[in-house]
């Protein structure tokens, strides 16, 4: 997140969400869609180091496509802006 909590507000107003995960090494994609629930309970959040809130996703649909895109890449180095 961007620490502005805009995504949480969007999910609170409309809990539908989709995720697209791309494997740049193989070209495969994994698409997931479902409904979300924001977890505000401090005890549950504390189970995940560094988390301030949790978003639980109930997955309704999954589509996996092998060789879905022609682009191939690999990690050269991590971004210096990636949180440690």
Protein backbone atom coordinates (compact mmCIF):
# COMPACT_ATOMS: atom_id res chain seq x y z
CA UNK A 1 0.00 0.00 0.00
CA UNK A 2 0.87 3.65 -0.24
CA UNK A 3 -0.01 4.38 3.42
CA UNK A 4 -2.88 6.55 2.20
CA UNK A 5 -5.50 3.81 2.78
CA UNK A 6 -7.26 4.66 -0.49
CA UNK A 7 -7.49 1.01 -1.47
CA UNK A 8 -9.15 0.20 1.85
CA UNK A 9 -11.79 2.85 1.21
CA UNK A 10 -12.41 1.47 -2.26
CA UNK A 11 -12.76 -2.07 -0.88
CA UNK A 12 -15.05 -0.85 1.90
CA UNK A 13 -17.34 0.76 -0.71
CA UNK A 14 -17.09 -2.15 -3.18
CA UNK A 15 -15.61 -5.40 -1.85
CA UNK A 16 -15.14 -6.97 -5.28
CA UNK A 17 -11.48 -7.42 -6.19
CA UNK A 18 -9.32 -9.04 -8.82
CA UNK A 19 -5.64 -9.91 -8.81
CA UNK A 20 -3.39 -10.61 -11.76
CA UNK A 21 -0.11 -12.36 -11.01
CA UNK A 22 2.44 -12.57 -13.83
CA UNK A 23 5.32 -15.02 -13.97
CA UNK A 24 7.79 -13.13 -16.12
CA UNK A 25 10.15 -16.11 -16.26
CA UNK A 26 7.63 -18.48 -17.88
CA UNK A 27 5.03 -16.11 -19.34
CA UNK A 28 2.20 -17.66 -17.30
CA UNK A 29 -0.53 -15.62 -15.63
CA UNK A 30 -2.82 -16.35 -12.71
CA UNK A 31 -6.04 -14.35 -12.42
CA UNK A 32 -8.10 -14.42 -9.24
CA UNK A 33 -11.39 -12.71 -8.47
CA UNK A 34 -13.48 -12.60 -5.33
CA UNK A 35 -14.81 -10.58 -2.46
CA UNK A 36 -12.80 -8.88 0.25
CA UNK A 37 -13.20 -8.13 3.92
CA UNK A 38 -11.04 -5.65 5.80
CA UNK A 39 -9.76 -7.00 9.11
CA UNK A 40 -9.56 -4.24 11.73
CA UNK A 41 -9.06 -6.53 14.76
CA UNK A 42 -5.74 -5.54 16.37
CA UNK A 43 -5.05 -9.06 17.65
CA UNK A 44 -5.38 -10.60 14.17
CA UNK A 45 -3.33 -7.81 12.59
CA UNK A 46 -0.57 -8.32 15.17
CA UNK A 47 -0.07 -11.86 13.83
CA UNK A 48 1.61 -10.32 10.76
CA UNK A 49 4.78 -8.36 11.53
CA UNK A 50 4.61 -4.79 10.26
CA UNK A 51 0.95 -4.99 9.15
CA UNK A 52 -1.45 -2.21 10.06
CA UNK A 53 -4.56 -3.76 8.50
CA UNK A 54 -5.43 -7.05 6.80
CA UNK A 55 -7.52 -7.74 3.74
CA UNK A 56 -9.08 -11.19 3.53
CA UNK A 57 -10.07 -12.39 0.07
CA UNK A 58 -12.67 -15.07 -0.54
CA UNK A 59 -11.69 -16.39 -3.96
CA UNK A 60 -14.59 -17.07 -6.34
CA UNK A 61 -12.79 -17.57 -9.66
CA UNK A 62 -9.29 -18.59 -10.72
CA UNK A 63 -7.91 -18.66 -14.25
CA UNK A 64 -4.37 -19.87 -14.97
CA UNK A 65 -2.97 -19.45 -18.47
CA UNK A 66 0.38 -20.95 -19.43
CA UNK A 67 2.46 -18.90 -21.85
CA UNK A 68 -0.10 -16.08 -21.73
CA UNK A 69 2.28 -13.31 -22.75
CA UNK A 70 5.47 -13.16 -24.80
CA UNK A 71 7.46 -10.95 -22.42
CA UNK A 72 10.24 -12.61 -20.46
CA UNK A 73 12.34 -11.07 -17.73
CA UNK A 74 14.26 -11.86 -14.59
CA UNK A 75 15.18 -9.90 -11.48
CA UNK A 76 18.51 -8.12 -11.85
CA UNK A 77 18.35 -6.50 -8.42
CA UNK A 78 15.69 -5.37 -6.00
CA UNK A 79 14.56 -1.76 -6.07
CA UNK A 80 16.16 0.44 -3.40
CA UNK A 81 12.61 1.66 -2.71
CA UNK A 82 11.37 -1.83 -1.82
CA UNK A 83 10.55 -1.86 1.91
CA UNK A 84 12.86 -4.10 3.92
